[in-house]
N, C-alpha and C. Protein backbone atom coordinates (compact mmCIF):
# COMPACT_ATOMS: atom_id res chain seq x y z
N MET A 1 -5.50 -11.57 -1.92
CA MET A 1 -4.62 -10.69 -1.17
C MET A 1 -3.19 -11.17 -1.36
N THR A 2 -2.30 -10.23 -1.64
CA THR A 2 -0.89 -10.53 -1.79
C THR A 2 -0.12 -9.84 -0.67
N PRO A 3 0.46 -10.61 0.27
CA PRO A 3 1.19 -9.96 1.36
C PRO A 3 2.47 -9.31 0.86
N GLU A 4 2.87 -8.25 1.52
CA GLU A 4 4.06 -7.50 1.14
C GLU A 4 5.15 -7.62 2.20
N ILE A 5 4.89 -8.32 3.30
CA ILE A 5 5.84 -8.34 4.41
C ILE A 5 6.12 -9.75 4.90
N LEU A 6 7.21 -9.91 5.60
CA LEU A 6 7.56 -11.11 6.34
C LEU A 6 7.90 -10.64 7.75
N SER A 7 7.29 -11.25 8.76
CA SER A 7 7.39 -10.71 10.12
C SER A 7 8.34 -11.49 11.01
N PHE A 8 8.89 -10.77 11.98
CA PHE A 8 9.77 -11.31 13.01
C PHE A 8 9.29 -10.77 14.35
N VAL A 9 9.58 -11.49 15.44
CA VAL A 9 9.20 -11.02 16.77
C VAL A 9 10.41 -11.02 17.69
N LEU A 10 10.32 -10.22 18.75
CA LEU A 10 11.37 -10.14 19.76
C LEU A 10 11.18 -11.26 20.77
N ARG A 11 12.27 -11.91 21.13
CA ARG A 11 12.26 -12.94 22.18
C ARG A 11 13.40 -12.65 23.14
N ASN A 12 13.19 -12.99 24.40
CA ASN A 12 14.21 -12.85 25.43
C ASN A 12 14.67 -14.23 25.87
N SER A 13 15.74 -14.26 26.63
CA SER A 13 16.29 -15.50 27.22
C SER A 13 16.66 -16.55 26.19
N PRO A 14 17.64 -16.33 25.36
CA PRO A 14 18.45 -15.13 25.21
C PRO A 14 17.76 -14.10 24.29
N LEU A 15 18.23 -12.87 24.36
CA LEU A 15 17.69 -11.80 23.54
C LEU A 15 17.95 -12.11 22.07
N ARG A 16 16.87 -12.14 21.26
CA ARG A 16 17.01 -12.46 19.84
C ARG A 16 15.75 -12.04 19.09
N VAL A 17 15.83 -12.05 17.77
CA VAL A 17 14.70 -11.78 16.89
C VAL A 17 14.47 -13.06 16.09
N VAL A 18 13.23 -13.56 16.05
CA VAL A 18 12.93 -14.80 15.34
C VAL A 18 11.82 -14.59 14.32
N LYS A 19 11.90 -15.33 13.22
CA LYS A 19 10.90 -15.25 12.15
C LYS A 19 9.59 -15.86 12.61
N VAL A 20 8.49 -15.20 12.29
CA VAL A 20 7.18 -15.77 12.56
C VAL A 20 7.01 -16.89 11.53
N SER A 21 6.86 -18.11 12.00
CA SER A 21 6.94 -19.26 11.10
C SER A 21 5.76 -19.41 10.16
N SER A 22 4.57 -19.08 10.60
CA SER A 22 3.42 -19.18 9.70
C SER A 22 2.30 -18.29 10.19
N ILE A 23 1.51 -17.87 9.23
CA ILE A 23 0.34 -17.05 9.54
C ILE A 23 -0.85 -17.81 8.99
N ILE A 24 -1.76 -18.19 9.85
CA ILE A 24 -2.90 -19.00 9.44
C ILE A 24 -4.14 -18.12 9.39
N GLY A 25 -4.85 -18.18 8.25
CA GLY A 25 -6.11 -17.48 8.12
C GLY A 25 -7.22 -18.32 8.72
N ILE A 26 -8.45 -17.89 8.54
CA ILE A 26 -9.59 -18.61 9.11
C ILE A 26 -9.66 -20.03 8.54
N SER A 27 -9.52 -20.14 7.22
CA SER A 27 -9.64 -21.48 6.63
C SER A 27 -8.44 -21.88 5.79
N THR A 28 -7.62 -20.93 5.42
CA THR A 28 -6.46 -21.28 4.59
C THR A 28 -5.25 -20.47 5.05
N GLU A 29 -4.09 -20.95 4.67
CA GLU A 29 -2.88 -20.22 5.00
C GLU A 29 -2.74 -19.04 4.05
N ILE A 30 -2.38 -17.91 4.58
CA ILE A 30 -2.15 -16.71 3.78
C ILE A 30 -0.79 -16.87 3.11
N PRO A 31 -0.67 -16.65 1.80
CA PRO A 31 0.63 -16.82 1.14
C PRO A 31 1.64 -15.82 1.68
N ARG A 32 2.88 -16.27 1.81
CA ARG A 32 3.96 -15.41 2.29
C ARG A 32 4.80 -14.95 1.12
N PRO A 33 5.57 -13.85 1.27
CA PRO A 33 6.45 -13.43 0.19
C PRO A 33 7.41 -14.55 -0.18
N LYS A 34 7.74 -14.63 -1.47
CA LYS A 34 8.69 -15.65 -1.92
C LYS A 34 10.08 -15.29 -1.41
N LEU A 35 10.77 -16.29 -0.86
CA LEU A 35 12.09 -16.08 -0.28
C LEU A 35 13.14 -16.84 -1.07
N ARG A 36 14.36 -16.34 -1.01
CA ARG A 36 15.47 -17.06 -1.61
C ARG A 36 15.71 -18.34 -0.85
N LYS A 37 16.29 -19.34 -1.54
CA LYS A 37 16.61 -20.60 -0.84
C LYS A 37 17.59 -20.34 0.29
N ASP A 38 18.55 -19.45 0.07
CA ASP A 38 19.49 -19.09 1.12
C ASP A 38 18.93 -17.87 1.84
N PHE A 39 18.06 -18.12 2.84
CA PHE A 39 17.35 -17.05 3.53
C PHE A 39 18.30 -16.06 4.19
N SER A 40 19.52 -16.49 4.55
CA SER A 40 20.45 -15.60 5.23
C SER A 40 20.86 -14.42 4.36
N GLN A 41 20.64 -14.51 3.07
CA GLN A 41 20.97 -13.41 2.16
C GLN A 41 19.72 -12.63 1.71
N SER A 42 18.58 -12.96 2.26
CA SER A 42 17.33 -12.32 1.85
C SER A 42 17.25 -10.88 2.33
N PRO A 43 16.72 -9.98 1.49
CA PRO A 43 16.51 -8.60 1.96
C PRO A 43 15.43 -8.51 3.03
N HIS A 44 14.64 -9.59 3.20
CA HIS A 44 13.60 -9.62 4.23
C HIS A 44 14.15 -9.98 5.61
N LEU A 45 15.37 -10.51 5.66
CA LEU A 45 15.93 -11.00 6.91
C LEU A 45 16.13 -9.86 7.91
N ILE A 46 15.71 -10.09 9.14
CA ILE A 46 15.90 -9.13 10.23
C ILE A 46 16.53 -9.89 11.39
N THR A 47 17.61 -9.35 11.91
CA THR A 47 18.30 -9.94 13.05
C THR A 47 18.34 -8.93 14.18
N LEU A 48 18.80 -9.38 15.34
CA LEU A 48 18.97 -8.45 16.47
C LEU A 48 19.95 -7.34 16.09
N ASP A 49 21.02 -7.68 15.40
CA ASP A 49 21.98 -6.65 14.96
C ASP A 49 21.33 -5.65 14.02
N THR A 50 20.44 -6.12 13.14
CA THR A 50 19.71 -5.22 12.25
C THR A 50 18.90 -4.22 13.06
N VAL A 51 18.16 -4.72 14.03
CA VAL A 51 17.30 -3.86 14.87
C VAL A 51 18.14 -2.83 15.60
N LEU A 52 19.23 -3.29 16.22
CA LEU A 52 20.07 -2.36 16.99
C LEU A 52 20.73 -1.30 16.11
N SER A 53 21.08 -1.66 14.87
CA SER A 53 21.75 -0.68 14.01
C SER A 53 20.77 0.27 13.31
N GLU A 54 19.56 -0.22 12.98
CA GLU A 54 18.61 0.61 12.24
C GLU A 54 17.59 1.33 13.12
N CYS A 55 17.52 0.94 14.38
CA CYS A 55 16.54 1.54 15.30
C CYS A 55 17.26 2.02 16.55
N PRO A 56 17.93 3.17 16.48
CA PRO A 56 18.77 3.62 17.60
C PRO A 56 18.02 3.82 18.92
N GLN A 57 16.72 4.05 18.88
CA GLN A 57 15.96 4.22 20.12
C GLN A 57 15.70 2.89 20.83
N LEU A 58 15.91 1.79 20.11
CA LEU A 58 15.72 0.47 20.71
C LEU A 58 17.08 -0.08 21.13
N THR A 59 17.49 0.28 22.31
CA THR A 59 18.79 -0.17 22.82
C THR A 59 18.67 -1.61 23.31
N GLU A 60 19.81 -2.24 23.49
CA GLU A 60 19.80 -3.62 24.00
C GLU A 60 19.15 -3.67 25.37
N ALA A 61 19.42 -2.67 26.21
CA ALA A 61 18.82 -2.63 27.55
C ALA A 61 17.29 -2.53 27.45
N ARG A 62 16.79 -1.68 26.56
CA ARG A 62 15.34 -1.54 26.39
C ARG A 62 14.73 -2.84 25.89
N LEU A 63 15.39 -3.48 24.93
CA LEU A 63 14.87 -4.74 24.38
C LEU A 63 14.85 -5.84 25.43
N LYS A 64 15.86 -5.87 26.31
CA LYS A 64 15.89 -6.89 27.36
C LYS A 64 14.73 -6.72 28.34
N ASP A 65 14.24 -5.49 28.49
CA ASP A 65 13.12 -5.22 29.39
C ASP A 65 11.76 -5.34 28.69
N THR A 66 11.77 -5.73 27.41
CA THR A 66 10.54 -5.83 26.64
C THR A 66 10.07 -7.28 26.63
N PRO A 67 8.80 -7.53 26.98
CA PRO A 67 8.29 -8.91 26.99
C PRO A 67 8.34 -9.55 25.60
N ASP A 68 8.43 -10.89 25.59
CA ASP A 68 8.39 -11.65 24.34
C ASP A 68 7.18 -11.25 23.51
N ASN A 69 7.38 -11.20 22.21
CA ASN A 69 6.32 -10.98 21.22
C ASN A 69 5.66 -9.61 21.29
N LEU A 70 6.17 -8.68 22.10
CA LEU A 70 5.54 -7.35 22.17
C LEU A 70 5.82 -6.55 20.91
N PHE A 71 7.01 -6.71 20.33
CA PHE A 71 7.35 -5.99 19.11
C PHE A 71 7.34 -6.96 17.93
N ILE A 72 6.76 -6.50 16.83
CA ILE A 72 6.82 -7.22 15.56
C ILE A 72 7.69 -6.39 14.63
N PHE A 73 8.64 -7.02 13.97
CA PHE A 73 9.57 -6.34 13.06
C PHE A 73 9.31 -6.80 11.64
N PHE A 74 9.28 -5.87 10.70
CA PHE A 74 9.19 -6.23 9.29
C PHE A 74 9.65 -5.06 8.44
N ARG A 75 10.09 -5.38 7.23
CA ARG A 75 10.46 -4.35 6.26
C ARG A 75 9.26 -4.08 5.38
N SER A 76 9.00 -2.80 5.16
CA SER A 76 7.87 -2.44 4.32
C SER A 76 8.05 -1.02 3.81
N GLU A 77 7.13 -0.62 2.96
CA GLU A 77 7.08 0.76 2.51
C GLU A 77 6.19 1.56 3.46
N THR A 78 6.53 2.82 3.65
CA THR A 78 5.68 3.74 4.40
C THR A 78 5.47 4.99 3.55
N ALA A 79 4.37 5.67 3.78
CA ALA A 79 4.07 6.92 3.09
C ALA A 79 3.19 7.76 4.01
N THR A 80 3.22 9.06 3.79
CA THR A 80 2.43 9.99 4.60
C THR A 80 1.31 10.58 3.76
N PHE A 81 0.11 10.58 4.34
CA PHE A 81 -1.06 11.15 3.68
C PHE A 81 -1.85 11.94 4.72
N SER A 82 -2.71 12.82 4.23
CA SER A 82 -3.63 13.56 5.10
C SER A 82 -4.92 12.78 5.23
N ILE A 83 -5.59 12.98 6.36
CA ILE A 83 -6.93 12.41 6.50
C ILE A 83 -7.90 13.53 6.79
N SER A 84 -9.14 13.30 6.40
CA SER A 84 -10.20 14.27 6.69
C SER A 84 -11.44 13.50 7.13
N GLY A 85 -12.31 14.21 7.77
CA GLY A 85 -13.53 13.56 8.25
C GLY A 85 -13.80 14.00 9.66
N PRO A 86 -14.60 13.28 10.35
CA PRO A 86 -15.08 11.94 10.00
C PRO A 86 -16.28 11.98 9.07
N VAL A 87 -16.44 10.90 8.32
CA VAL A 87 -17.65 10.65 7.54
C VAL A 87 -18.48 9.71 8.41
N THR A 88 -19.71 10.10 8.67
CA THR A 88 -20.58 9.31 9.55
C THR A 88 -21.62 8.60 8.70
N GLU A 89 -21.77 7.30 8.96
CA GLU A 89 -22.80 6.51 8.28
C GLU A 89 -23.55 5.71 9.33
N THR A 90 -24.73 5.26 8.95
CA THR A 90 -25.56 4.46 9.84
C THR A 90 -25.73 3.08 9.23
N SER A 91 -25.51 2.06 10.04
CA SER A 91 -25.67 0.68 9.59
C SER A 91 -27.13 0.40 9.27
N SER A 92 -27.37 -0.15 8.09
CA SER A 92 -28.77 -0.45 7.71
C SER A 92 -29.33 -1.62 8.52
N SER A 93 -28.46 -2.50 8.98
CA SER A 93 -28.96 -3.66 9.73
C SER A 93 -29.18 -3.37 11.22
N SER A 94 -28.25 -2.63 11.84
CA SER A 94 -28.36 -2.41 13.28
C SER A 94 -28.83 -1.00 13.65
N GLY A 95 -28.69 -0.07 12.71
CA GLY A 95 -29.07 1.31 13.01
C GLY A 95 -28.00 2.08 13.77
N SER A 96 -26.89 1.42 14.11
CA SER A 96 -25.83 2.11 14.86
C SER A 96 -24.97 2.95 13.92
N LYS A 97 -24.43 4.03 14.48
CA LYS A 97 -23.58 4.93 13.70
C LYS A 97 -22.13 4.50 13.80
N TYR A 98 -21.40 4.68 12.72
CA TYR A 98 -19.97 4.45 12.71
C TYR A 98 -19.32 5.53 11.86
N HIS A 99 -18.02 5.63 11.98
CA HIS A 99 -17.28 6.68 11.29
C HIS A 99 -16.13 6.06 10.52
N TYR A 100 -15.72 6.74 9.48
CA TYR A 100 -14.45 6.45 8.83
C TYR A 100 -13.87 7.78 8.39
N PHE A 101 -12.60 7.75 8.04
CA PHE A 101 -11.93 8.97 7.62
C PHE A 101 -11.43 8.79 6.20
N GLU A 102 -11.51 9.85 5.41
CA GLU A 102 -11.01 9.81 4.04
C GLU A 102 -9.51 10.07 4.05
N ILE A 103 -8.81 9.35 3.20
CA ILE A 103 -7.38 9.56 3.02
C ILE A 103 -7.21 10.38 1.75
N ARG A 104 -6.39 11.42 1.86
CA ARG A 104 -6.25 12.36 0.74
C ARG A 104 -4.81 12.47 0.29
N SER A 105 -4.66 12.65 -1.03
CA SER A 105 -3.34 12.83 -1.64
C SER A 105 -2.85 14.26 -1.37
N SER A 106 -1.63 14.54 -1.79
CA SER A 106 -1.10 15.90 -1.64
C SER A 106 -1.91 16.90 -2.47
N ALA A 107 -2.63 16.42 -3.51
CA ALA A 107 -3.50 17.28 -4.32
C ALA A 107 -4.92 17.34 -3.73
N ASN A 108 -5.10 16.80 -2.52
CA ASN A 108 -6.37 16.81 -1.78
C ASN A 108 -7.45 15.94 -2.42
N GLU A 109 -7.06 14.97 -3.25
CA GLU A 109 -8.01 14.03 -3.83
C GLU A 109 -8.22 12.87 -2.86
N VAL A 110 -9.46 12.37 -2.78
CA VAL A 110 -9.75 11.21 -1.94
C VAL A 110 -9.16 9.99 -2.64
N ILE A 111 -8.24 9.30 -1.95
CA ILE A 111 -7.55 8.14 -2.53
C ILE A 111 -7.76 6.88 -1.70
N GLY A 112 -8.54 6.98 -0.63
CA GLY A 112 -8.77 5.82 0.20
C GLY A 112 -9.57 6.19 1.43
N GLN A 113 -9.68 5.20 2.34
CA GLN A 113 -10.39 5.46 3.59
C GLN A 113 -9.91 4.51 4.67
N THR A 114 -10.11 4.94 5.90
CA THR A 114 -9.79 4.07 7.03
C THR A 114 -10.93 3.08 7.20
N ASP A 115 -10.68 2.06 7.98
CA ASP A 115 -11.72 1.11 8.33
C ASP A 115 -12.75 1.82 9.21
N ALA A 116 -13.95 1.29 9.25
CA ALA A 116 -14.99 1.87 10.09
C ALA A 116 -14.59 1.78 11.55
N CYS A 117 -14.89 2.83 12.29
CA CYS A 117 -14.55 2.84 13.71
C CYS A 117 -15.61 3.63 14.47
N VAL A 118 -15.54 3.55 15.77
CA VAL A 118 -16.42 4.33 16.63
C VAL A 118 -15.53 5.07 17.62
N PRO A 119 -14.89 6.17 17.18
CA PRO A 119 -14.01 6.89 18.10
C PRO A 119 -14.80 7.55 19.22
N ASP A 120 -14.13 7.76 20.35
CA ASP A 120 -14.78 8.41 21.49
C ASP A 120 -15.35 9.76 21.09
N ASP A 121 -14.53 10.54 20.39
CA ASP A 121 -14.96 11.86 19.93
C ASP A 121 -14.37 12.07 18.54
N PRO A 122 -15.11 11.74 17.48
CA PRO A 122 -14.56 11.84 16.13
C PRO A 122 -14.16 13.25 15.72
N ASP A 123 -14.64 14.27 16.43
CA ASP A 123 -14.26 15.64 16.11
C ASP A 123 -12.99 16.07 16.84
N ASP A 124 -12.43 15.19 17.65
CA ASP A 124 -11.18 15.46 18.36
C ASP A 124 -10.09 15.73 17.33
N PRO A 125 -9.29 16.80 17.50
CA PRO A 125 -8.25 17.12 16.51
C PRO A 125 -7.20 16.02 16.33
N VAL A 126 -7.12 15.07 17.26
CA VAL A 126 -6.15 13.99 17.12
C VAL A 126 -6.42 13.16 15.85
N TYR A 127 -7.65 13.22 15.35
CA TYR A 127 -8.02 12.46 14.16
C TYR A 127 -7.82 13.23 12.87
N ALA A 128 -7.28 14.43 12.93
CA ALA A 128 -7.09 15.26 11.74
C ALA A 128 -5.60 15.41 11.44
N GLY A 129 -5.29 15.75 10.20
CA GLY A 129 -3.91 16.06 9.83
C GLY A 129 -3.23 14.97 9.04
N GLU A 130 -1.90 14.98 9.10
CA GLU A 130 -1.11 14.01 8.35
C GLU A 130 -0.76 12.82 9.22
N PHE A 131 -0.78 11.64 8.59
CA PHE A 131 -0.45 10.41 9.29
C PHE A 131 0.43 9.55 8.39
N GLU A 132 1.17 8.69 9.04
CA GLU A 132 2.01 7.74 8.33
C GLU A 132 1.23 6.45 8.14
N PHE A 133 1.42 5.81 6.99
CA PHE A 133 0.76 4.56 6.66
C PHE A 133 1.83 3.54 6.28
N VAL A 134 1.65 2.29 6.72
CA VAL A 134 2.60 1.21 6.48
C VAL A 134 1.92 0.16 5.60
N LEU A 135 2.57 -0.20 4.50
CA LEU A 135 2.02 -1.18 3.57
C LEU A 135 2.06 -2.59 4.15
N LEU A 136 0.91 -3.29 4.08
CA LEU A 136 0.84 -4.68 4.51
C LEU A 136 0.63 -5.64 3.35
N ALA A 137 -0.30 -5.30 2.44
CA ALA A 137 -0.65 -6.22 1.37
C ALA A 137 -1.33 -5.46 0.24
N THR A 138 -1.52 -6.16 -0.87
CA THR A 138 -2.26 -5.61 -2.01
C THR A 138 -3.53 -6.44 -2.17
N SER A 139 -4.65 -5.77 -2.33
CA SER A 139 -5.93 -6.43 -2.52
C SER A 139 -6.41 -6.20 -3.94
N VAL A 140 -6.67 -7.30 -4.63
CA VAL A 140 -7.21 -7.21 -5.98
C VAL A 140 -8.52 -7.97 -5.99
N ALA A 141 -9.62 -7.23 -6.07
CA ALA A 141 -10.95 -7.83 -6.06
C ALA A 141 -11.63 -7.56 -7.40
N PRO A 142 -12.50 -8.46 -7.83
CA PRO A 142 -13.22 -8.24 -9.09
C PRO A 142 -14.00 -6.93 -9.04
N ASP A 143 -14.01 -6.25 -10.16
CA ASP A 143 -14.79 -5.02 -10.32
C ASP A 143 -14.37 -3.88 -9.39
N MET A 144 -13.14 -3.95 -8.87
CA MET A 144 -12.62 -2.87 -8.03
C MET A 144 -11.17 -2.60 -8.44
N PRO A 145 -10.75 -1.34 -8.37
CA PRO A 145 -9.33 -1.07 -8.65
C PRO A 145 -8.46 -1.67 -7.54
N PRO A 146 -7.24 -2.09 -7.86
CA PRO A 146 -6.34 -2.64 -6.82
C PRO A 146 -6.12 -1.62 -5.70
N ARG A 147 -6.11 -2.13 -4.47
CA ARG A 147 -5.90 -1.27 -3.30
C ARG A 147 -4.77 -1.83 -2.45
N LYS A 148 -4.11 -0.94 -1.76
CA LYS A 148 -3.11 -1.32 -0.78
C LYS A 148 -3.78 -1.38 0.58
N ILE A 149 -3.53 -2.46 1.30
CA ILE A 149 -4.01 -2.59 2.67
C ILE A 149 -2.88 -2.10 3.56
N THR A 150 -3.18 -1.10 4.38
CA THR A 150 -2.14 -0.45 5.18
C THR A 150 -2.57 -0.32 6.63
N LEU A 151 -1.61 0.02 7.46
CA LEU A 151 -1.90 0.42 8.83
C LEU A 151 -1.65 1.92 8.94
N GLN A 152 -2.60 2.64 9.48
CA GLN A 152 -2.38 4.04 9.85
C GLN A 152 -1.71 3.98 11.21
N ILE A 153 -0.55 4.63 11.36
CA ILE A 153 0.21 4.50 12.59
C ILE A 153 0.58 5.85 13.19
N GLU A 154 0.98 5.79 14.45
CA GLU A 154 1.66 6.90 15.10
C GLU A 154 2.91 6.29 15.73
N ARG A 155 3.97 7.06 15.79
CA ARG A 155 5.23 6.56 16.36
C ARG A 155 5.47 7.21 17.71
N ARG A 156 5.95 6.35 18.64
CA ARG A 156 6.36 6.81 19.96
C ARG A 156 7.66 6.10 20.31
N GLU A 157 8.68 6.87 20.58
CA GLU A 157 9.99 6.35 20.99
C GLU A 157 10.49 5.28 20.03
N GLY A 158 10.32 5.51 18.72
CA GLY A 158 10.84 4.61 17.70
C GLY A 158 9.96 3.42 17.38
N VAL A 159 8.79 3.31 18.03
CA VAL A 159 7.90 2.17 17.82
C VAL A 159 6.60 2.69 17.19
N ALA A 160 6.12 1.96 16.16
CA ALA A 160 4.88 2.30 15.48
C ALA A 160 3.71 1.63 16.19
N TYR A 161 2.64 2.39 16.41
CA TYR A 161 1.44 1.85 17.03
C TYR A 161 0.27 2.08 16.07
N ARG A 162 -0.55 1.05 15.91
CA ARG A 162 -1.67 1.09 14.96
C ARG A 162 -2.77 2.02 15.46
N ILE A 163 -3.22 2.88 14.56
CA ILE A 163 -4.41 3.70 14.81
C ILE A 163 -5.60 3.03 14.14
N SER A 164 -5.41 2.63 12.88
CA SER A 164 -6.50 2.03 12.12
C SER A 164 -5.94 1.24 10.95
N VAL A 165 -6.77 0.40 10.37
CA VAL A 165 -6.47 -0.22 9.09
C VAL A 165 -7.00 0.74 8.03
N ALA A 166 -6.30 0.85 6.92
CA ALA A 166 -6.73 1.77 5.87
C ALA A 166 -6.52 1.13 4.50
N TYR A 167 -7.33 1.56 3.55
CA TYR A 167 -7.29 1.05 2.19
C TYR A 167 -7.00 2.23 1.27
N ILE A 168 -5.92 2.12 0.48
CA ILE A 168 -5.47 3.21 -0.38
C ILE A 168 -5.36 2.68 -1.81
N LEU A 169 -5.87 3.43 -2.77
CA LEU A 169 -5.78 3.01 -4.17
C LEU A 169 -4.31 2.76 -4.54
N GLU A 170 -4.07 1.65 -5.22
CA GLU A 170 -2.70 1.27 -5.57
C GLU A 170 -1.99 2.35 -6.40
N ASP A 171 -2.69 2.93 -7.38
CA ASP A 171 -2.08 3.98 -8.21
C ASP A 171 -1.64 5.16 -7.36
N ALA A 172 -2.47 5.55 -6.40
CA ALA A 172 -2.13 6.68 -5.52
C ALA A 172 -0.95 6.32 -4.63
N TRP A 173 -0.93 5.08 -4.10
CA TRP A 173 0.20 4.65 -3.28
C TRP A 173 1.49 4.70 -4.09
N ASN A 174 1.43 4.21 -5.32
CA ASN A 174 2.63 4.17 -6.16
C ASN A 174 3.14 5.56 -6.53
N LYS A 175 2.26 6.55 -6.55
CA LYS A 175 2.66 7.93 -6.87
C LYS A 175 3.16 8.69 -5.64
N ALA A 176 2.93 8.15 -4.47
CA ALA A 176 3.30 8.84 -3.22
C ALA A 176 4.81 8.79 -2.99
N ASP A 177 5.26 9.66 -2.11
CA ASP A 177 6.67 9.66 -1.68
C ASP A 177 6.83 8.53 -0.66
N ARG A 178 7.21 7.35 -1.14
CA ARG A 178 7.30 6.16 -0.28
C ARG A 178 8.73 5.98 0.21
N ARG A 179 8.83 5.38 1.39
CA ARG A 179 10.13 5.04 1.97
C ARG A 179 10.12 3.56 2.32
N SER A 180 11.21 2.89 2.07
CA SER A 180 11.34 1.49 2.48
C SER A 180 12.11 1.48 3.78
N GLU A 181 11.58 0.80 4.80
CA GLU A 181 12.24 0.86 6.10
C GLU A 181 11.90 -0.35 6.97
N LEU A 182 12.66 -0.49 8.02
CA LEU A 182 12.37 -1.49 9.05
C LEU A 182 11.32 -0.89 9.97
N VAL A 183 10.17 -1.57 10.08
CA VAL A 183 9.08 -1.09 10.93
C VAL A 183 9.07 -1.92 12.20
N VAL A 184 8.95 -1.24 13.33
CA VAL A 184 8.81 -1.90 14.62
C VAL A 184 7.40 -1.60 15.09
N LEU A 185 6.56 -2.63 15.13
CA LEU A 185 5.17 -2.45 15.52
C LEU A 185 4.98 -2.92 16.95
N GLY A 186 4.44 -2.04 17.80
CA GLY A 186 4.24 -2.37 19.20
C GLY A 186 2.79 -2.58 19.52
């Protein structure tokens, strides 16, 4: 797995944005993006001024009322895709049913899928239509085409909230109308 982001969190007293110093996996540290020696000039750098200028819905007053670590900030690519489904499968080991949704390109080709889930009502229209996806990492596994690991999100008041983890073929991601932006994950 190759990560595509470097994360920062909101802290109060005093109000500031700080870099997440390390991300530890179950048994090994996950590699972080390579940074310049002079981090202050890095395109990955996010400061409180950056947040206030690029995220107009996040005012200083709102941030002061936000608990520590509630928001994660990072720069990444985003793209919009349609989803369809649900596709229902049954676990061979437990016999329980689970669902996932297919991710489709603008040409209606299946280019990925969400992680398995058990929604309250998978036929609810909230699970249909177009959604925004945020790039987290690239997965390259033997005998499989490279995939992008993404978050399917919805935005509320300038903050992105995770709906699901999703896997999208790298070629399809690269062909999509992508935007590079500061993401605020709540």
